Protein backbone atom coordinates (compact mmCIF):
# COMPACT_ATOMS: atom_id res chain seq x y z
CA UNK A 1 -19.85 2.43 -2.96
CA UNK A 2 -17.15 4.26 -0.94
CA UNK A 3 -16.38 4.22 2.73
CA UNK A 4 -17.04 7.36 4.74
CA UNK A 5 -15.58 8.21 8.11
CA UNK A 6 -17.88 9.46 10.86
CA UNK A 7 -17.24 10.81 14.39
CA UNK A 8 -19.59 10.27 17.28
CA UNK A 9 -20.06 13.44 19.32
CA UNK A 10 -21.16 11.44 22.36
CA UNK A 11 -18.51 8.73 22.76
CA UNK A 12 -15.81 10.59 20.75
CA UNK A 13 -14.97 7.53 18.63
CA UNK A 14 -14.51 7.39 14.86
CA UNK A 15 -15.94 4.68 12.61
CA UNK A 16 -16.30 3.89 8.93
CA UNK A 17 -19.58 3.43 7.04
CA UNK A 18 -20.01 1.98 3.55
CA UNK A 19 -22.83 3.77 1.68
CA UNK A 20 -23.81 5.37 -1.59
CA UNK A 21 -22.43 8.80 -2.52
CA UNK A 22 -25.97 10.03 -3.12
CA UNK A 23 -27.28 9.33 0.36
CA UNK A 24 -26.52 10.76 3.75
CA UNK A 25 -25.88 8.36 6.63
CA UNK A 26 -28.90 8.31 8.90
CA UNK A 27 -27.68 5.47 11.16
CA UNK A 28 -26.18 5.36 14.54
CA UNK A 29 -22.70 5.18 16.07
CA UNK A 30 -21.05 1.81 15.63
CA UNK A 31 -19.89 1.87 19.25
CA UNK A 32 -22.57 3.49 21.45
CA UNK A 33 -25.49 3.59 18.99
CA UNK A 34 -25.91 7.35 19.42
CA UNK A 35 -27.53 9.25 16.55
CA UNK A 36 -25.33 12.27 17.28
CA UNK A 37 -22.74 11.57 14.52
CA UNK A 38 -21.04 13.77 11.91
CA UNK A 39 -19.13 13.00 8.72
CA UNK A 40 -15.49 13.88 8.82
CA UNK A 41 -12.76 14.13 6.18
CA UNK A 42 -10.58 11.08 6.21
CA UNK A 43 -6.82 11.61 6.63
CA UNK A 44 -5.92 9.01 3.97
CA UNK A 45 -2.34 10.27 3.73
CA UNK A 46 -1.76 9.23 7.38
CA UNK A 47 -2.98 5.69 6.73
CA UNK A 48 -0.79 4.96 3.67
CA UNK A 49 2.54 3.34 4.52
CA UNK A 50 4.93 5.39 2.48
CA UNK A 51 7.75 2.81 2.81
CA UNK A 52 5.88 0.48 0.46
CA UNK A 53 5.78 3.11 -2.30
CA UNK A 54 9.35 4.44 -2.15
CA UNK A 55 10.58 2.34 -5.05
CA UNK A 56 9.45 3.18 -8.57
CA UNK A 57 8.79 0.55 -11.22
CA UNK A 58 11.96 1.63 -13.02
CA UNK A 59 14.02 1.09 -9.91
CA UNK A 60 12.71 -2.44 -9.68
CA UNK A 61 13.59 -3.15 -13.30
CA UNK A 62 17.05 -1.72 -12.87
CA UNK A 63 17.78 -3.90 -9.90
CA UNK A 64 16.65 -7.00 -11.87
CA UNK A 65 18.88 -5.98 -14.80
CA UNK A 66 21.87 -5.53 -12.45
CA UNK A 67 21.28 -8.96 -10.84
CA UNK A 68 21.06 -10.56 -14.30
CA UNK A 69 24.32 -8.90 -15.37
CA UNK A 70 26.07 -10.17 -12.28
CA UNK A 71 24.81 -13.73 -12.95
CA UNK A 72 25.87 -13.53 -16.61
CA UNK A 73 29.37 -12.37 -15.62
CA UNK A 74 29.71 -15.22 -13.07
CA UNK A 75 28.59 -17.77 -15.76
CA UNK A 76 30.99 -16.23 -18.35
CA UNK A 77 33.92 -16.46 -15.91
CA UNK A 78 32.97 -20.06 -15.05
CA UNK A 79 32.84 -21.02 -18.73
CA UNK A 80 36.22 -19.29 -19.42
CA UNK A 81 37.72 -21.24 -16.51
CA UNK A 82 36.43 -24.50 -17.91
CA UNK A 83 37.66 -23.68 -21.42
CA UNK A 84 41.20 -22.86 -20.34
CA UNK A 85 41.28 -25.71 -17.86
CA UNK A 86 41.39 -28.32 -20.64
CA UNK A 87 44.60 -26.78 -22.13
């Protein structure tokens, strides 16, 4: 069952209601208990924090690959240093 957003025409507040898609809400305002409410279209785009979705999966994989390459290079350099140290 989805959430629906309603606006109270008496107290001017907005509230969410969880009910079936097949039924109309016949309840009252969650704040002032008025029956003078109307369903409104949710502005879901305003509620989503876009900063969390800027990176794509591929970007995350690329960053892990780059970090692994750097660590491999460090380890390689360390091993070369140890190998030539004995000479």
